[in-house]
């Protein structure tokens, strides 16, 4: 059994598995692709993002033009959606539509941890079929 992976059924009813993948870890930001999956045109990727205190560079690697939903699990996140800026705390959810220009950063002296779900941002080559047991 794999750890930190997504299991699911593809459009043909075959079991597949996508492993967690470290996408970026550099000065102040860590991005982990937790899962990528899709069925019948409903594609999504889930990222875990950790921002260091006062991290002010845009979050990397989330493709532009995707519906992105950010759930803050720890800390406070500032988000600019088009021309409006909001500050949201742990437990809050922010939705950035496909056509919106957005950027998020950490305005505090504590780290921020969040999950970002990007609809339409699938990396199918990360998924492999799982062979039946027996």
N, C-alpha and C. Protein backbone atom coordinates (compact mmCIF):
# COMPACT_ATOMS: atom_id res chain seq x y z
N UNK A 1 0.84 -1.18 0.00
CA UNK A 1 0.00 0.00 0.00
C UNK A 1 0.89 1.25 0.00
N UNK A 2 0.51 2.23 -0.78
CA UNK A 2 1.25 3.48 -0.85
C UNK A 2 0.77 4.42 0.25
N UNK A 3 1.63 5.33 0.65
CA UNK A 3 1.21 6.35 1.60
C UNK A 3 1.02 7.65 0.84
N UNK A 4 0.16 8.52 1.34
CA UNK A 4 -0.09 9.83 0.74
C UNK A 4 -0.36 9.74 -0.75
N UNK A 5 -1.39 9.01 -1.09
CA UNK A 5 -1.76 8.83 -2.49
C UNK A 5 -3.28 8.94 -2.62
N UNK A 6 -3.73 9.17 -3.85
CA UNK A 6 -5.15 9.19 -4.16
C UNK A 6 -5.48 7.92 -4.92
N UNK A 7 -6.52 7.24 -4.49
CA UNK A 7 -7.03 6.07 -5.21
C UNK A 7 -8.41 6.42 -5.74
N UNK A 8 -8.73 5.93 -6.91
CA UNK A 8 -10.04 6.19 -7.47
C UNK A 8 -10.30 5.31 -8.67
N UNK A 9 -11.45 5.49 -9.28
CA UNK A 9 -11.81 4.75 -10.48
C UNK A 9 -11.77 5.70 -11.67
N UNK A 10 -11.22 5.21 -12.79
CA UNK A 10 -11.23 6.03 -14.00
C UNK A 10 -12.57 5.87 -14.71
N UNK A 11 -12.71 6.47 -15.87
CA UNK A 11 -13.97 6.45 -16.61
C UNK A 11 -14.37 5.05 -17.05
N UNK A 12 -13.42 4.11 -17.06
CA UNK A 12 -13.69 2.74 -17.47
C UNK A 12 -13.86 1.81 -16.28
N UNK A 13 -13.90 2.35 -15.06
CA UNK A 13 -14.07 1.54 -13.87
C UNK A 13 -12.81 0.86 -13.38
N UNK A 14 -11.66 1.25 -13.90
CA UNK A 14 -10.37 0.69 -13.48
C UNK A 14 -9.80 1.51 -12.33
N UNK A 15 -9.28 0.82 -11.33
CA UNK A 15 -8.68 1.49 -10.18
C UNK A 15 -7.36 2.12 -10.58
N UNK A 16 -7.11 3.37 -10.15
CA UNK A 16 -5.84 4.04 -10.42
C UNK A 16 -5.31 4.65 -9.13
N UNK A 17 -4.05 5.03 -9.18
CA UNK A 17 -3.40 5.64 -8.02
C UNK A 17 -2.50 6.77 -8.49
N UNK A 18 -2.55 7.90 -7.79
CA UNK A 18 -1.67 9.04 -8.06
C UNK A 18 -0.88 9.33 -6.79
N UNK A 19 0.42 9.29 -6.89
CA UNK A 19 1.27 9.55 -5.73
C UNK A 19 1.38 11.04 -5.45
N UNK A 20 1.60 11.35 -4.17
CA UNK A 20 1.92 12.71 -3.77
C UNK A 20 3.26 13.08 -4.39
N UNK A 21 3.43 14.36 -4.74
CA UNK A 21 4.67 14.80 -5.37
C UNK A 21 5.08 16.17 -4.86
N UNK A 22 6.35 16.30 -4.44
CA UNK A 22 6.88 17.61 -4.07
C UNK A 22 7.08 18.38 -5.36
N UNK A 23 6.40 19.50 -5.48
CA UNK A 23 6.47 20.30 -6.70
C UNK A 23 7.50 21.41 -6.54
N UNK A 24 7.51 22.06 -5.40
CA UNK A 24 8.47 23.15 -5.16
C UNK A 24 8.72 23.29 -3.68
N UNK A 25 9.94 23.58 -3.34
CA UNK A 25 10.30 23.90 -1.97
C UNK A 25 11.47 24.85 -2.06
N UNK A 26 11.19 26.11 -1.90
CA UNK A 26 12.22 27.13 -2.01
C UNK A 26 11.90 28.27 -1.07
N UNK A 27 12.79 29.17 -0.93
CA UNK A 27 12.69 30.30 -0.02
C UNK A 27 11.28 30.74 0.32
N UNK A 28 10.70 30.13 1.34
CA UNK A 28 9.45 30.62 1.87
C UNK A 28 8.19 29.93 1.41
N UNK A 29 8.28 29.03 0.44
CA UNK A 29 7.07 28.35 -0.02
C UNK A 29 7.36 26.87 -0.28
N UNK A 30 6.43 26.04 0.14
CA UNK A 30 6.47 24.61 -0.18
C UNK A 30 5.15 24.27 -0.86
N UNK A 31 5.23 23.62 -2.01
CA UNK A 31 4.03 23.21 -2.74
C UNK A 31 4.13 21.71 -2.98
N UNK A 32 3.10 20.98 -2.55
CA UNK A 32 3.04 19.53 -2.73
C UNK A 32 1.78 19.20 -3.51
N UNK A 33 1.94 18.48 -4.62
CA UNK A 33 0.76 18.02 -5.36
C UNK A 33 0.26 16.78 -4.63
N UNK A 34 -0.87 16.94 -3.94
CA UNK A 34 -1.42 15.85 -3.13
C UNK A 34 -2.13 14.81 -3.97
N UNK A 35 -2.83 15.25 -4.99
CA UNK A 35 -3.60 14.32 -5.81
C UNK A 35 -3.96 14.97 -7.13
N UNK A 36 -4.13 14.15 -8.13
CA UNK A 36 -4.62 14.60 -9.43
C UNK A 36 -5.54 13.52 -9.95
N UNK A 37 -6.73 13.88 -10.34
CA UNK A 37 -7.67 12.88 -10.81
C UNK A 37 -8.73 13.52 -11.67
N UNK A 38 -9.52 12.69 -12.28
CA UNK A 38 -10.61 13.21 -13.08
C UNK A 38 -11.42 12.10 -13.69
N UNK A 39 -12.63 12.45 -14.06
CA UNK A 39 -13.52 11.49 -14.68
C UNK A 39 -14.54 12.27 -15.49
N UNK A 40 -14.77 11.85 -16.71
CA UNK A 40 -15.78 12.47 -17.57
C UNK A 40 -15.59 13.98 -17.70
N UNK A 41 -14.37 14.42 -17.87
CA UNK A 41 -14.09 15.84 -18.07
C UNK A 41 -13.98 16.65 -16.80
N UNK A 42 -14.22 16.06 -15.63
CA UNK A 42 -14.09 16.77 -14.37
C UNK A 42 -12.70 16.53 -13.81
N UNK A 43 -11.77 17.38 -14.16
CA UNK A 43 -10.38 17.21 -13.78
C UNK A 43 -10.04 18.12 -12.62
N UNK A 44 -9.18 17.67 -11.70
CA UNK A 44 -8.76 18.52 -10.61
C UNK A 44 -7.40 18.08 -10.07
N UNK A 45 -6.73 19.01 -9.44
CA UNK A 45 -5.48 18.74 -8.74
C UNK A 45 -5.58 19.40 -7.38
N UNK A 46 -5.12 18.71 -6.35
CA UNK A 46 -5.12 19.25 -5.00
C UNK A 46 -3.67 19.51 -4.60
N UNK A 47 -3.41 20.74 -4.15
CA UNK A 47 -2.08 21.13 -3.71
C UNK A 47 -2.12 21.46 -2.22
N UNK A 48 -1.09 21.06 -1.49
CA UNK A 48 -0.89 21.55 -0.13
C UNK A 48 0.18 22.63 -0.24
N UNK A 49 -0.11 23.79 0.32
CA UNK A 49 0.81 24.93 0.21
C UNK A 49 1.12 25.44 1.61
N UNK A 50 2.41 25.62 1.89
CA UNK A 50 2.85 26.20 3.16
C UNK A 50 3.67 27.44 2.83
N UNK A 51 3.25 28.58 3.39
CA UNK A 51 3.94 29.85 3.16
C UNK A 51 4.63 30.29 4.45
N UNK A 52 5.88 30.65 4.35
CA UNK A 52 6.64 31.16 5.49
C UNK A 52 6.10 32.52 5.91
N UNK A 53 6.44 32.96 7.13
CA UNK A 53 6.00 34.29 7.57
C UNK A 53 6.41 35.37 6.57
N UNK A 54 5.48 36.27 6.30
CA UNK A 54 5.67 37.43 5.41
C UNK A 54 6.07 37.04 3.99
N UNK A 55 5.70 35.85 3.54
CA UNK A 55 6.00 35.43 2.17
C UNK A 55 5.13 36.24 1.22
N UNK A 56 5.74 37.02 0.33
CA UNK A 56 5.00 37.96 -0.51
C UNK A 56 5.13 37.72 -2.01
N UNK A 57 5.72 36.62 -2.40
CA UNK A 57 5.81 36.30 -3.82
C UNK A 57 4.58 35.47 -4.20
N UNK A 58 4.03 35.64 -5.39
CA UNK A 58 2.85 34.85 -5.77
C UNK A 58 3.09 33.35 -5.62
N UNK A 59 2.03 32.62 -5.29
CA UNK A 59 2.12 31.17 -5.15
C UNK A 59 2.40 30.57 -6.52
N UNK A 60 3.46 29.77 -6.64
CA UNK A 60 3.82 29.21 -7.94
C UNK A 60 3.03 27.96 -8.29
N UNK A 61 3.07 27.60 -9.56
CA UNK A 61 2.69 26.29 -10.07
C UNK A 61 1.21 25.97 -10.14
N UNK A 62 0.35 26.88 -9.77
CA UNK A 62 -1.08 26.63 -10.00
C UNK A 62 -1.40 27.25 -11.34
N UNK A 63 -1.81 26.44 -12.31
CA UNK A 63 -2.02 26.94 -13.67
C UNK A 63 -3.03 28.07 -13.74
N UNK A 64 -2.73 29.07 -14.56
CA UNK A 64 -3.68 30.16 -14.78
C UNK A 64 -4.87 29.64 -15.56
N UNK A 65 -6.00 30.28 -15.38
CA UNK A 65 -7.19 29.90 -16.12
C UNK A 65 -7.92 28.69 -15.56
N UNK A 66 -7.61 28.33 -14.31
CA UNK A 66 -8.34 27.22 -13.69
C UNK A 66 -9.14 27.77 -12.52
N UNK A 67 -10.30 27.18 -12.29
CA UNK A 67 -11.07 27.51 -11.09
C UNK A 67 -10.25 27.02 -9.91
N UNK A 68 -9.90 27.90 -8.98
CA UNK A 68 -9.09 27.52 -7.84
C UNK A 68 -9.83 27.84 -6.55
N UNK A 69 -9.92 26.84 -5.69
CA UNK A 69 -10.55 27.01 -4.39
C UNK A 69 -9.47 26.79 -3.34
N UNK A 70 -9.31 27.75 -2.45
CA UNK A 70 -8.26 27.69 -1.42
C UNK A 70 -8.93 27.58 -0.06
N UNK A 71 -8.56 26.54 0.69
CA UNK A 71 -9.06 26.34 2.04
C UNK A 71 -7.89 26.55 3.00
N UNK A 72 -8.00 27.53 3.88
CA UNK A 72 -6.91 27.85 4.82
C UNK A 72 -7.07 26.96 6.04
N UNK A 73 -6.04 26.14 6.31
CA UNK A 73 -6.10 25.22 7.45
C UNK A 73 -5.33 25.75 8.66
N UNK A 74 -4.41 26.69 8.42
CA UNK A 74 -3.61 27.24 9.52
C UNK A 74 -3.14 28.64 9.14
N UNK A 75 -3.28 29.59 10.05
CA UNK A 75 -2.77 30.93 9.82
C UNK A 75 -3.74 31.86 9.13
N UNK A 76 -3.19 32.94 8.55
CA UNK A 76 -3.96 33.98 7.88
C UNK A 76 -3.38 34.20 6.50
N UNK A 77 -4.24 34.27 5.50
CA UNK A 77 -3.82 34.44 4.12
C UNK A 77 -4.45 35.71 3.56
N UNK A 78 -3.66 36.51 2.86
CA UNK A 78 -4.20 37.67 2.14
C UNK A 78 -4.35 37.26 0.68
N UNK A 79 -5.47 37.65 0.08
CA UNK A 79 -5.77 37.27 -1.30
C UNK A 79 -6.28 38.49 -2.04
N UNK A 80 -5.73 38.73 -3.24
CA UNK A 80 -6.25 39.78 -4.11
C UNK A 80 -6.94 39.10 -5.28
N UNK A 81 -8.24 39.32 -5.41
CA UNK A 81 -9.05 38.82 -6.51
C UNK A 81 -9.39 40.00 -7.40
N UNK A 82 -8.83 40.01 -8.60
CA UNK A 82 -8.94 41.16 -9.49
C UNK A 82 -8.46 42.40 -8.74
N UNK A 83 -9.34 43.34 -8.42
CA UNK A 83 -8.93 44.57 -7.75
C UNK A 83 -9.27 44.59 -6.26
N UNK A 84 -9.83 43.51 -5.72
CA UNK A 84 -10.25 43.49 -4.32
C UNK A 84 -9.30 42.63 -3.49
N UNK A 85 -8.91 43.13 -2.32
CA UNK A 85 -8.02 42.39 -1.42
C UNK A 85 -8.78 42.04 -0.15
N UNK A 86 -8.66 40.77 0.25
CA UNK A 86 -9.28 40.30 1.49
C UNK A 86 -8.24 39.56 2.31
N UNK A 87 -8.46 39.50 3.62
CA UNK A 87 -7.61 38.73 4.52
C UNK A 87 -8.50 37.69 5.18
N UNK A 88 -8.10 36.42 5.08
CA UNK A 88 -8.92 35.32 5.58
C UNK A 88 -8.13 34.46 6.56
N UNK A 89 -8.84 33.93 7.55
CA UNK A 89 -8.22 33.12 8.60
C UNK A 89 -8.48 31.64 8.38
N UNK A 90 -7.83 30.81 9.19
CA UNK A 90 -8.00 29.37 9.14
C UNK A 90 -9.49 29.03 9.22
N UNK A 91 -9.90 28.08 8.41
CA UNK A 91 -11.30 27.68 8.34
C UNK A 91 -12.05 28.38 7.23
N UNK A 92 -11.44 29.37 6.60
CA UNK A 92 -12.09 30.11 5.51
C UNK A 92 -11.78 29.48 4.17
N UNK A 93 -12.64 29.78 3.21
CA UNK A 93 -12.52 29.27 1.85
C UNK A 93 -12.56 30.45 0.90
N UNK A 94 -11.68 30.45 -0.10
CA UNK A 94 -11.66 31.51 -1.12
C UNK A 94 -11.79 30.83 -2.48
N UNK A 95 -12.67 31.36 -3.32
CA UNK A 95 -12.82 30.82 -4.67
C UNK A 95 -12.35 31.86 -5.67
N UNK A 96 -11.42 31.46 -6.52
CA UNK A 96 -10.93 32.32 -7.59
C UNK A 96 -11.41 31.74 -8.92
N UNK A 97 -12.39 32.39 -9.57
CA UNK A 97 -12.91 31.87 -10.84
C UNK A 97 -11.85 31.82 -11.93
N UNK A 98 -12.10 31.04 -12.96
CA UNK A 98 -11.14 30.87 -14.06
C UNK A 98 -10.70 32.20 -14.66
N UNK A 99 -11.62 33.13 -14.81
CA UNK A 99 -11.32 34.40 -15.48
C UNK A 99 -10.71 35.44 -14.54
N UNK A 100 -10.61 35.14 -13.25
CA UNK A 100 -10.09 36.12 -12.28
C UNK A 100 -8.56 36.13 -12.27
N UNK A 101 -8.01 37.30 -12.05
CA UNK A 101 -6.59 37.43 -11.77
C UNK A 101 -6.46 37.44 -10.27
N UNK A 102 -5.62 36.55 -9.73
CA UNK A 102 -5.51 36.49 -8.28
C UNK A 102 -4.09 36.20 -7.85
N UNK A 103 -3.81 36.62 -6.63
CA UNK A 103 -2.52 36.36 -6.01
C UNK A 103 -2.79 36.23 -4.51
N UNK A 104 -2.01 35.38 -3.83
CA UNK A 104 -2.17 35.18 -2.39
C UNK A 104 -0.80 35.27 -1.73
N UNK A 105 -0.77 35.77 -0.48
CA UNK A 105 0.49 35.90 0.25
C UNK A 105 0.22 35.83 1.74
N UNK A 106 1.30 35.69 2.50
CA UNK A 106 1.22 35.60 3.95
C UNK A 106 1.56 36.96 4.55
N UNK A 107 0.59 37.65 5.15
CA UNK A 107 0.84 38.98 5.70
C UNK A 107 1.29 38.97 7.16
N UNK A 108 1.48 37.79 7.75
CA UNK A 108 1.73 37.70 9.19
C UNK A 108 3.11 37.14 9.52
N UNK A 109 3.40 37.09 10.81
CA UNK A 109 4.68 36.55 11.28
C UNK A 109 4.58 35.06 11.63
N UNK A 110 3.47 34.42 11.28
CA UNK A 110 3.29 32.98 11.46
C UNK A 110 3.13 32.32 10.10
N UNK A 111 3.42 31.02 10.02
CA UNK A 111 3.27 30.35 8.72
C UNK A 111 1.79 30.19 8.37
N UNK A 112 1.54 29.96 7.09
CA UNK A 112 0.20 29.70 6.58
C UNK A 112 0.23 28.35 5.88
N UNK A 113 -0.77 27.54 6.16
CA UNK A 113 -0.93 26.25 5.48
C UNK A 113 -2.33 26.23 4.87
N UNK A 114 -2.41 25.83 3.60
CA UNK A 114 -3.71 25.76 2.95
C UNK A 114 -3.73 24.64 1.91
N UNK A 115 -4.93 24.27 1.53
CA UNK A 115 -5.14 23.34 0.43
C UNK A 115 -5.73 24.13 -0.72
N UNK A 116 -5.20 23.93 -1.91
CA UNK A 116 -5.73 24.59 -3.10
C UNK A 116 -6.22 23.50 -4.05
N UNK A 117 -7.46 23.62 -4.46
CA UNK A 117 -8.04 22.67 -5.40
C UNK A 117 -8.18 23.41 -6.72
N UNK A 118 -7.45 22.97 -7.73
CA UNK A 118 -7.47 23.62 -9.04
C UNK A 118 -8.24 22.72 -10.01
N UNK A 119 -9.42 23.16 -10.41
CA UNK A 119 -10.25 22.39 -11.32
C UNK A 119 -9.76 22.58 -12.75
N UNK A 120 -9.57 21.49 -13.45
CA UNK A 120 -9.10 21.55 -14.83
C UNK A 120 -7.59 21.46 -14.95
N UNK A 121 -6.90 21.22 -13.84
CA UNK A 121 -5.44 21.17 -13.87
C UNK A 121 -4.96 19.76 -13.54
N UNK A 122 -5.11 18.87 -14.49
CA UNK A 122 -4.78 17.46 -14.26
C UNK A 122 -3.49 17.07 -14.94
N UNK A 123 -2.71 16.29 -14.25
CA UNK A 123 -1.49 15.74 -14.81
C UNK A 123 -1.66 14.23 -14.86
N UNK A 124 -2.25 13.71 -15.92
CA UNK A 124 -2.59 12.28 -16.01
C UNK A 124 -1.36 11.38 -15.95
N UNK A 125 -0.19 11.84 -16.39
CA UNK A 125 0.97 10.96 -16.37
C UNK A 125 1.40 10.60 -14.95
N UNK A 126 0.88 11.28 -13.96
CA UNK A 126 1.20 10.98 -12.57
C UNK A 126 0.37 9.83 -12.03
N UNK A 127 -0.65 9.41 -12.77
CA UNK A 127 -1.55 8.36 -12.31
C UNK A 127 -1.20 7.04 -12.98
N UNK A 128 -1.24 5.97 -12.21
CA UNK A 128 -0.93 4.65 -12.75
C UNK A 128 -2.05 3.68 -12.39
N UNK A 129 -2.29 2.69 -13.25
CA UNK A 129 -3.31 1.69 -12.91
C UNK A 129 -2.84 0.86 -11.73
N UNK A 130 -3.78 0.43 -10.92
CA UNK A 130 -3.48 -0.46 -9.81
C UNK A 130 -3.95 -1.85 -10.20
N UNK A 131 -3.04 -2.83 -10.12
CA UNK A 131 -3.38 -4.19 -10.50
C UNK A 131 -4.24 -4.85 -9.43
N UNK A 132 -5.24 -5.65 -9.82
CA UNK A 132 -6.07 -6.32 -8.84
C UNK A 132 -5.26 -7.32 -8.02
N UNK A 133 -5.66 -7.52 -6.77
CA UNK A 133 -4.98 -8.48 -5.90
C UNK A 133 -5.60 -9.85 -6.12
N UNK A 134 -4.76 -10.87 -6.18
CA UNK A 134 -5.26 -12.24 -6.28
C UNK A 134 -5.24 -12.78 -7.60
